[in-house]
Amino acid sequence: MKIARIEVSRHRIPLDPPFRPSWDTRARGRFEAVIVRVESDEGHVGYGSGDDMLGLEQHLDLFLGTDPLALEQHYRYLANLQFHYGRCWPLDIALWDLAGQITGQPVWRMLGGLSNRVRAYASSGTLRDPAAMADIAQRFKNEGFPAMKIRFHRADWRDDVRAVAAVRRAVGDEFVLMVDCNQGWRMAWDVATPWSMKDALQVARALEDHGVYWMEEPLYRGDYEGMAQLRAATDLRIGGAEMTRELHELKTLIDRGCLDVLQPDAVLVGGITGLRRIAIMAQEAGLVFTPHTWGNGIGLMANIHLAAGIAGSPYLEFPYDPPEWTPERRDFMFSDPITVDSEGWITLSDRPGLGLTLDDDVLKRTRV
C-alpha cells in the first residue's frame, strides 16, 4: 500500500457576531481552516488541520508513493520541514488518521489504549466584566463542565483578578478554575512587554486566595529561569508551552523544572508522533500533560486521542465561549460538532482513525 495523493485546501466562514479573543487586539470577522487530505492507493483517507503548512506542497515527493504506516520516517521529514519552513504537523495527524483507517483501529487505542475518554474544561476566549464572567461560569457549571479557564489581558491585572473572584463567588469552591495570563507570546502587531518574574509572582499571590488550579503562560516563553523561580515561589501550578515549535524546547522545560503543566499542541509541534514522546516524559517527571487545543475540530480531535490514549490528562481544553465561540463555528467542517456530556466527559468511539465525519457539501461551499 502506498500514499497516492495529498491535497491541501483552505476553507473560510464568516463570524457574525465577530469573535474578540483576549490575546488579539483585532476582532475576527471570519474563521479559516487549512485542511490536509491524505489518500492511499486503496482508497483510505486521513485528515489533518492546523497552520498553513508552508513548504509542504513543494515537498510532497517525500511522501507520495511511500508506505503510509511508516510514521517515524514521515515524522523525520516533517521535523526537517518545520525547521526550514512552516509547521507542517497537520500532515502527521492526517497520517495517523489514515493509519487508523488502514488498520481498523481508533488512534487512542493505537497510542496505547489507556482510556477512550477525557474530561473537558470550558476554555473561554473573550474578556467580559466580572458579572458577565460569573454568569457564563454558572452556565458552564450547569452544563456539566467541572472546570473552566478564564482569560487575562485587561489593562490592569487587578481587573483580571476581580473577574476570577466574581467567578469563584458564583460557582463555589468545587468548580475548578484555570487562568491564562497570555504572556508567553504575542500576535505580530502586539509589541507590549511581557510580565517579569516579580510581576507574575505578584499576580500569583493574588490568585492563590481563589483556589486557581493552574496559572498558564505567566512569563515570556523563553524565560526558563523565571518560570522555574515562579514555580518554586507559589503554590499555584505553572502551565505553558502552547506555541512551542521544537521538541527539544519541551525537553528543556521539563529538565529545568519550569512547569507543572505541559501544554503543547499536536498541530503546532511534533504532531501525534512527536508529542507521544513528550507525554511519556512529562508523566515520568510527575507533570501534568494536557494539550493546548484552541483551533478547529480536527486538531481538537487529535489532541483528545492523545490526551485519552496515552497521557491520562486530568482535563482537556474545550474551546467554548458562546455566543462568540461555539462548537458549530469551531467544527464547521464536521457533520456534527464535538460535544461534551452532562458530566463534562468527551468519549471517543471505536471508529477507525480519529473518527472524523467531514461534511463534503460544507467543504465545497467554504473552500477559498
Protein backbone atom coordinates (compact mmCIF):
# COMPACT_ATOMS: atom_id res chain seq x y z
CA MET A 1 0.00 0.00 0.00
CA LYS A 2 1.25 3.50 -0.90
CA ILE A 3 0.32 7.13 -0.35
CA ALA A 4 -1.34 8.08 -3.62
CA ARG A 5 -2.47 11.66 -3.07
CA ILE A 6 -2.04 14.60 -0.70
CA GLU A 7 -4.24 17.69 -1.05
CA VAL A 8 -4.16 20.92 0.96
CA SER A 9 -7.23 23.19 0.87
CA ARG A 10 -8.30 26.37 2.66
CA HIS A 11 -11.82 26.96 3.97
CA ARG A 12 -13.47 30.06 5.45
CA ILE A 13 -16.67 31.01 7.25
CA PRO A 14 -17.88 34.49 8.31
CA LEU A 15 -18.26 35.29 12.01
CA ASP A 16 -21.24 37.44 12.90
CA PRO A 17 -21.06 38.46 15.68
CA PRO A 18 -17.28 38.73 15.40
CA PHE A 19 -15.00 36.91 17.81
CA ARG A 20 -12.81 39.13 20.02
CA PRO A 21 -10.17 36.87 21.58
CA SER A 22 -8.34 38.18 24.63
CA TRP A 23 -4.95 37.54 23.02
CA ASP A 24 -5.67 39.61 19.90
CA THR A 25 -6.31 43.36 19.70
CA ARG A 26 -8.19 42.88 16.42
CA ALA A 27 -11.72 41.48 16.25
CA ARG A 28 -12.10 38.48 13.94
CA GLY A 29 -14.87 38.58 11.37
CA ARG A 30 -14.00 35.25 9.77
CA PHE A 31 -12.56 31.86 10.68
CA GLU A 32 -10.28 29.88 8.39
CA ALA A 33 -9.22 26.26 8.37
CA VAL A 34 -6.41 24.75 6.31
CA ILE A 35 -7.14 21.05 5.79
CA VAL A 36 -4.79 18.36 4.50
CA ARG A 37 -6.24 15.17 3.00
CA VAL A 38 -4.07 12.07 2.53
CA GLU A 39 -5.31 9.17 0.42
CA SER A 40 -3.86 5.68 -0.04
CA ASP A 41 -3.86 3.79 -3.35
CA GLU A 42 -6.53 1.52 -1.85
CA GLY A 43 -8.93 4.38 -1.13
CA HIS A 44 -8.36 5.02 2.58
CA VAL A 45 -8.42 8.72 3.55
CA GLY A 46 -6.99 10.61 6.52
CA TYR A 47 -7.45 14.27 7.53
CA GLY A 48 -5.45 16.84 9.47
CA SER A 49 -5.72 20.58 10.01
CA GLY A 50 -3.75 23.42 11.56
CA ASP A 51 -1.32 26.06 10.31
CA ASP A 52 -0.79 26.96 6.65
CA MET A 53 1.82 24.19 6.31
CA LEU A 54 4.19 26.38 4.31
CA GLY A 55 6.73 24.29 2.45
CA LEU A 56 4.67 21.12 2.33
CA GLU A 57 3.33 21.32 -1.21
CA GLN A 58 6.77 21.68 -2.80
CA HIS A 59 7.99 18.62 -0.87
CA LEU A 60 5.14 16.19 -1.47
CA ASP A 61 7.59 13.90 -3.27
CA LEU A 62 8.98 12.93 0.16
CA PHE A 63 5.66 11.27 0.97
CA LEU A 64 3.93 10.26 -2.26
CA GLY A 65 4.49 6.63 -3.18
CA THR A 66 5.71 5.70 0.29
CA ASP A 67 4.26 3.39 2.95
CA PRO A 68 1.53 5.30 4.85
CA LEU A 69 2.32 3.32 8.01
CA ALA A 70 5.98 4.49 8.10
CA LEU A 71 5.02 7.12 10.67
CA GLU A 72 8.50 7.58 12.15
CA GLN A 73 10.03 8.21 8.73
CA HIS A 74 7.32 10.71 7.90
CA TYR A 75 7.87 12.38 11.28
CA ARG A 76 11.56 12.96 10.47
CA TYR A 77 10.72 14.59 7.15
CA LEU A 78 8.17 16.83 8.87
CA ALA A 79 10.70 17.80 11.55
CA ASN A 80 13.06 18.93 8.79
CA LEU A 81 10.30 20.87 7.04
CA GLN A 82 9.35 22.54 10.31
CA PHE A 83 12.92 23.77 10.70
CA HIS A 84 13.16 25.18 7.19
CA TYR A 85 9.58 26.27 6.52
CA GLY A 86 6.31 26.22 8.48
CA ARG A 87 4.50 23.97 10.92
CA CYS A 88 3.54 21.01 8.73
CA TRP A 89 2.46 18.79 11.63
CA PRO A 90 -1.18 18.53 10.46
CA LEU A 91 0.13 16.02 7.91
CA ASP A 92 1.31 13.82 10.79
CA ILE A 93 -2.22 13.97 12.22
CA ALA A 94 -3.69 13.04 8.83
CA LEU A 95 -1.26 10.11 8.59
CA TRP A 96 -2.35 8.79 12.00
CA ASP A 97 -5.98 9.12 10.89
CA LEU A 98 -5.07 7.24 7.69
CA ALA A 99 -3.17 4.57 9.65
CA GLY A 100 -6.25 4.00 11.76
CA GLN A 101 -8.39 3.60 8.65
CA ILE A 102 -5.94 1.04 7.26
CA THR A 103 -5.60 -0.99 10.47
CA GLY A 104 -9.22 -0.62 11.58
CA GLN A 105 -8.21 0.86 14.95
CA PRO A 106 -9.02 4.18 16.65
CA VAL A 107 -5.98 6.36 17.26
CA TRP A 108 -6.49 6.34 21.04
CA ARG A 109 -6.04 2.57 21.03
CA MET A 110 -3.04 2.73 18.66
CA LEU A 111 -1.38 5.12 21.12
CA GLY A 112 -1.67 2.64 23.97
CA GLY A 113 -5.36 2.42 24.79
CA LEU A 114 -5.07 3.98 28.25
CA SER A 115 -8.61 5.34 28.02
CA ASN A 116 -11.23 6.31 25.47
CA ARG A 117 -12.38 9.42 27.31
CA VAL A 118 -11.12 12.62 28.90
CA ARG A 119 -12.81 15.29 30.98
CA ALA A 120 -13.09 18.72 29.37
CA TYR A 121 -12.75 22.19 30.80
CA ALA A 122 -14.59 25.06 29.14
CA SER A 123 -11.93 27.35 27.71
CA SER A 124 -13.27 30.89 27.41
CA GLY A 125 -11.74 33.26 24.92
CA THR A 126 -13.18 36.72 25.44
CA LEU A 127 -12.78 39.39 28.11
CA ARG A 128 -16.02 40.13 29.97
CA ASP A 129 -16.77 42.24 33.02
CA PRO A 130 -16.83 40.36 36.34
CA ALA A 131 -20.63 39.96 36.42
CA ALA A 132 -20.73 38.60 32.87
CA MET A 133 -17.84 36.23 33.62
CA ALA A 134 -19.71 34.95 36.66
CA ASP A 135 -22.83 34.38 34.55
CA ILE A 136 -21.05 32.36 31.89
CA ALA A 137 -19.17 30.36 34.53
CA GLN A 138 -22.50 29.42 36.08
CA ARG A 139 -23.71 28.38 32.64
CA PHE A 140 -20.67 26.14 32.16
CA LYS A 141 -21.23 24.56 35.58
CA ASN A 142 -24.92 23.94 34.82
CA GLU A 143 -23.97 22.28 31.52
CA GLY A 144 -21.81 19.77 33.38
CA PHE A 145 -18.30 21.14 32.93
CA PRO A 146 -16.17 20.50 36.03
CA ALA A 147 -13.80 23.38 35.26
CA MET A 148 -13.22 26.48 33.15
CA LYS A 149 -10.33 28.69 32.05
CA ILE A 150 -10.52 32.46 32.46
CA ARG A 151 -8.54 34.69 30.13
CA PHE A 152 -6.43 37.62 31.29
CA HIS A 153 -5.32 40.65 29.27
CA ARG A 154 -7.32 43.51 30.70
CA ALA A 155 -5.48 46.82 31.03
CA ASP A 156 -4.77 46.17 34.72
CA TRP A 157 -4.16 42.66 36.04
CA ARG A 158 -6.11 43.59 39.18
CA ASP A 159 -9.22 43.77 36.99
CA ASP A 160 -8.37 40.27 35.75
CA VAL A 161 -8.21 39.05 39.35
CA ARG A 162 -11.54 40.71 40.10
CA ALA A 163 -13.11 38.66 37.32
CA VAL A 164 -11.68 35.48 38.88
CA ALA A 165 -13.04 36.50 42.30
CA ALA A 166 -16.51 37.08 40.85
CA VAL A 167 -16.48 33.68 39.18
CA ARG A 168 -15.36 31.94 42.37
CA ARG A 169 -18.18 33.56 44.35
CA ALA A 170 -20.69 32.46 41.72
CA VAL A 171 -19.66 28.81 41.28
CA GLY A 172 -18.30 27.87 44.70
CA ASP A 173 -15.13 26.09 45.72
CA GLU A 174 -15.65 22.73 43.99
CA PHE A 175 -15.66 24.14 40.46
CA VAL A 176 -12.07 24.14 39.14
CA LEU A 177 -10.65 27.38 37.75
CA MET A 178 -7.65 27.87 35.49
CA VAL A 179 -6.22 31.22 34.39
CA ASP A 180 -4.44 32.03 31.11
CA CYS A 181 -2.22 35.09 31.53
CA ASN A 182 -1.34 35.27 27.81
CA GLN A 183 2.22 36.44 28.46
CA GLY A 184 4.10 33.72 26.57
CA TRP A 185 3.69 35.10 23.06
CA ARG A 186 2.07 37.96 21.11
CA MET A 187 0.30 38.50 17.83
CA ALA A 188 2.55 40.06 15.17
CA TRP A 189 1.14 43.55 15.76
CA ASP A 190 1.26 43.40 19.58
CA VAL A 191 4.54 44.79 20.94
CA ALA A 192 3.59 45.01 24.64
CA THR A 193 6.25 43.95 27.13
CA PRO A 194 5.51 40.65 28.93
CA TRP A 195 5.50 40.40 32.70
CA SER A 196 8.70 39.96 34.66
CA MET A 197 9.00 37.16 37.21
CA LYS A 198 8.18 39.58 40.04
CA ASP A 199 5.12 40.85 38.14
CA ALA A 200 3.92 37.28 37.69
CA LEU A 201 4.62 36.45 41.33
CA GLN A 202 2.50 39.37 42.47
CA VAL A 203 -0.38 38.08 40.32
CA ALA A 204 0.17 34.51 41.54
CA ARG A 205 -0.10 35.57 45.17
CA ALA A 206 -3.34 37.37 44.42
CA LEU A 207 -4.70 34.24 42.71
CA GLU A 208 -3.73 31.84 45.49
CA ASP A 209 -6.67 33.05 47.57
CA HIS A 210 -9.12 31.98 44.85
CA GLY A 211 -8.13 28.33 44.55
CA VAL A 212 -6.81 28.53 40.98
CA TYR A 213 -5.70 25.12 39.65
CA TRP A 214 -3.10 26.45 37.23
CA MET A 215 -1.67 29.76 36.04
CA GLU A 216 -0.91 29.48 32.33
CA GLU A 217 1.72 31.36 30.31
CA PRO A 218 2.62 33.86 33.08
CA LEU A 219 6.02 34.68 31.53
CA TYR A 220 7.69 35.04 28.16
CA ARG A 221 8.15 31.62 26.57
CA GLY A 222 11.96 31.79 26.70
CA ASP A 223 12.25 32.86 30.34
CA TYR A 224 13.19 29.41 31.64
CA GLU A 225 14.86 30.73 34.79
CA GLY A 226 11.89 32.95 35.61
CA MET A 227 9.43 30.09 35.19
CA ALA A 228 11.45 27.84 37.48
CA GLN A 229 11.70 30.59 40.11
CA LEU A 230 7.99 31.35 39.88
CA ARG A 231 7.10 27.67 40.17
CA ALA A 232 9.17 27.42 43.35
CA ALA A 233 7.72 30.61 44.85
CA THR A 234 3.99 29.91 44.52
CA ASP A 235 1.56 27.13 45.42
CA LEU A 236 -0.10 27.54 42.01
CA ARG A 237 0.70 25.08 39.24
CA ILE A 238 2.51 26.85 36.38
CA GLY A 239 1.45 25.88 32.84
CA GLY A 240 2.78 26.68 29.40
CA ALA A 241 4.39 25.63 26.11
CA GLU A 242 1.31 26.01 23.92
CA MET A 243 3.11 27.63 20.98
CA THR A 244 6.41 25.75 21.28
CA ARG A 245 7.99 24.86 17.93
CA GLU A 246 10.60 22.21 18.80
CA LEU A 247 10.51 19.04 20.89
CA HIS A 248 13.90 19.87 22.39
CA GLU A 249 12.39 23.06 23.84
CA LEU A 250 9.79 20.94 25.61
CA LYS A 251 12.52 18.69 26.98
CA THR A 252 14.34 21.78 28.28
CA LEU A 253 11.20 22.96 30.05
CA ILE A 254 10.93 19.57 31.73
CA ASP A 255 14.62 19.24 32.60
CA ARG A 256 14.87 22.74 34.07
CA GLY A 257 11.77 22.38 36.24
CA CYS A 258 9.95 25.25 34.54
CA LEU A 259 6.39 23.92 34.51
CA ASP A 260 3.91 21.81 36.41
CA VAL A 261 1.54 21.60 33.44
CA LEU A 262 2.89 20.95 29.94
CA GLN A 263 0.56 22.17 27.17
CA PRO A 264 1.97 21.58 23.67
CA ASP A 265 -0.47 21.28 20.77
CA ALA A 266 -0.17 18.40 18.28
CA VAL A 267 -1.00 20.65 15.34
CA LEU A 268 1.79 23.08 16.30
CA VAL A 269 4.68 20.89 17.45
CA GLY A 270 5.56 17.28 16.76
CA GLY A 271 2.17 16.04 15.67
CA ILE A 272 0.90 12.93 17.42
CA THR A 273 4.17 11.09 16.70
CA GLY A 274 6.30 13.67 18.49
CA LEU A 275 4.00 14.50 21.37
CA ARG A 276 3.52 10.90 22.42
CA ARG A 277 7.21 11.04 23.37
CA ILE A 278 6.69 14.24 25.36
CA ALA A 279 3.58 12.89 27.10
CA ILE A 280 5.61 9.98 28.46
CA MET A 281 8.48 12.27 29.50
CA ALA A 282 6.02 14.51 31.36
CA GLN A 283 4.45 11.57 33.16
CA GLU A 284 7.83 10.23 34.24
CA ALA A 285 8.74 13.69 35.59
CA GLY A 286 5.50 13.85 37.59
CA LEU A 287 3.99 16.62 35.44
CA VAL A 288 0.54 17.11 34.02
CA PHE A 289 0.37 16.77 30.22
CA THR A 290 -2.73 18.35 28.72
CA PRO A 291 -2.57 19.72 25.17
CA HIS A 292 -3.42 23.26 24.24
CA THR A 293 -6.04 22.89 21.55
CA TRP A 294 -7.52 26.22 20.53
CA GLY A 295 -8.26 25.58 16.87
CA ASN A 296 -10.83 23.73 14.79
CA GLY A 297 -12.38 20.36 15.50
CA ILE A 298 -9.83 18.28 13.57
CA GLY A 299 -6.96 19.48 15.75
CA LEU A 300 -9.15 19.19 18.83
CA MET A 301 -9.94 15.57 17.99
CA ALA A 302 -6.26 14.74 17.50
CA ASN A 303 -5.44 16.16 20.92
CA ILE A 304 -8.37 14.30 22.52
CA HIS A 305 -6.99 10.98 21.25
CA LEU A 306 -3.53 11.92 22.55
CA ALA A 307 -4.83 13.02 25.95
CA ALA A 308 -7.02 9.94 26.40
CA GLY A 309 -4.95 7.23 24.74
CA ILE A 310 -1.55 7.84 26.31
CA ALA A 311 -1.40 10.94 28.53
CA GLY A 312 -4.09 10.36 31.16
CA SER A 313 -4.77 14.11 31.17
CA PRO A 314 -6.94 15.22 34.11
CA TYR A 315 -8.59 17.91 31.97
CA LEU A 316 -8.53 18.81 28.28
CA GLU A 317 -9.11 22.23 26.75
CA PHE A 318 -12.51 22.58 25.06
CA PRO A 319 -12.75 25.97 23.28
CA TYR A 320 -16.22 27.24 24.13
CA ASP A 321 -17.41 30.80 24.75
CA PRO A 322 -20.91 31.40 23.35
CA PRO A 323 -22.18 33.32 21.53
CA GLU A 324 -18.84 34.42 20.05
CA TRP A 325 -17.27 30.95 20.01
CA THR A 326 -19.45 27.87 19.64
CA PRO A 327 -18.90 24.23 18.65
CA GLU A 328 -20.77 24.94 15.42
CA ARG A 329 -18.26 27.63 14.46
CA ARG A 330 -15.21 25.75 15.68
CA ASP A 331 -16.21 22.47 13.96
CA PHE A 332 -17.90 23.88 10.88
CA MET A 333 -16.30 21.23 8.66
CA PHE A 334 -17.99 18.36 10.57
CA SER A 335 -21.42 16.87 10.05
CA ASP A 336 -21.85 17.16 13.84
CA PRO A 337 -19.66 19.19 16.21
CA ILE A 338 -17.72 17.63 19.07
CA THR A 339 -19.80 17.71 22.25
CA VAL A 340 -19.35 17.16 25.98
CA ASP A 341 -21.75 15.05 28.05
CA SER A 342 -23.67 16.21 31.12
CA GLU A 343 -20.72 15.43 33.41
CA GLY A 344 -18.09 17.09 31.24
CA TRP A 345 -16.68 13.97 29.56
CA ILE A 346 -15.70 13.58 25.91
CA THR A 347 -15.93 9.90 24.98
CA LEU A 348 -14.20 8.57 21.88
CA SER A 349 -15.71 5.84 19.75
CA ASP A 350 -14.14 2.68 18.32
CA ARG A 351 -14.32 4.11 14.80
CA PRO A 352 -11.03 3.78 12.89
CA GLY A 353 -8.56 6.65 12.93
CA LEU A 354 -9.67 9.89 14.52
CA GLY A 355 -13.34 9.04 13.98
CA LEU A 356 -13.98 12.14 11.86
CA THR A 357 -17.04 12.74 9.69
CA LEU A 358 -16.48 15.74 7.44
CA ASP A 359 -19.33 17.39 5.56
CA ASP A 360 -18.39 17.41 1.86
CA ASP A 361 -21.06 19.97 0.97
CA VAL A 362 -19.75 22.37 3.61
CA LEU A 363 -16.18 21.85 2.43
CA LYS A 364 -17.17 22.67 -1.13
CA ARG A 365 -19.19 25.72 -0.09
CA THR A 366 -16.48 27.16 2.18
CA ARG A 367 -13.44 26.46 0.01
CA VAL A 368 -11.39 29.53 -0.79
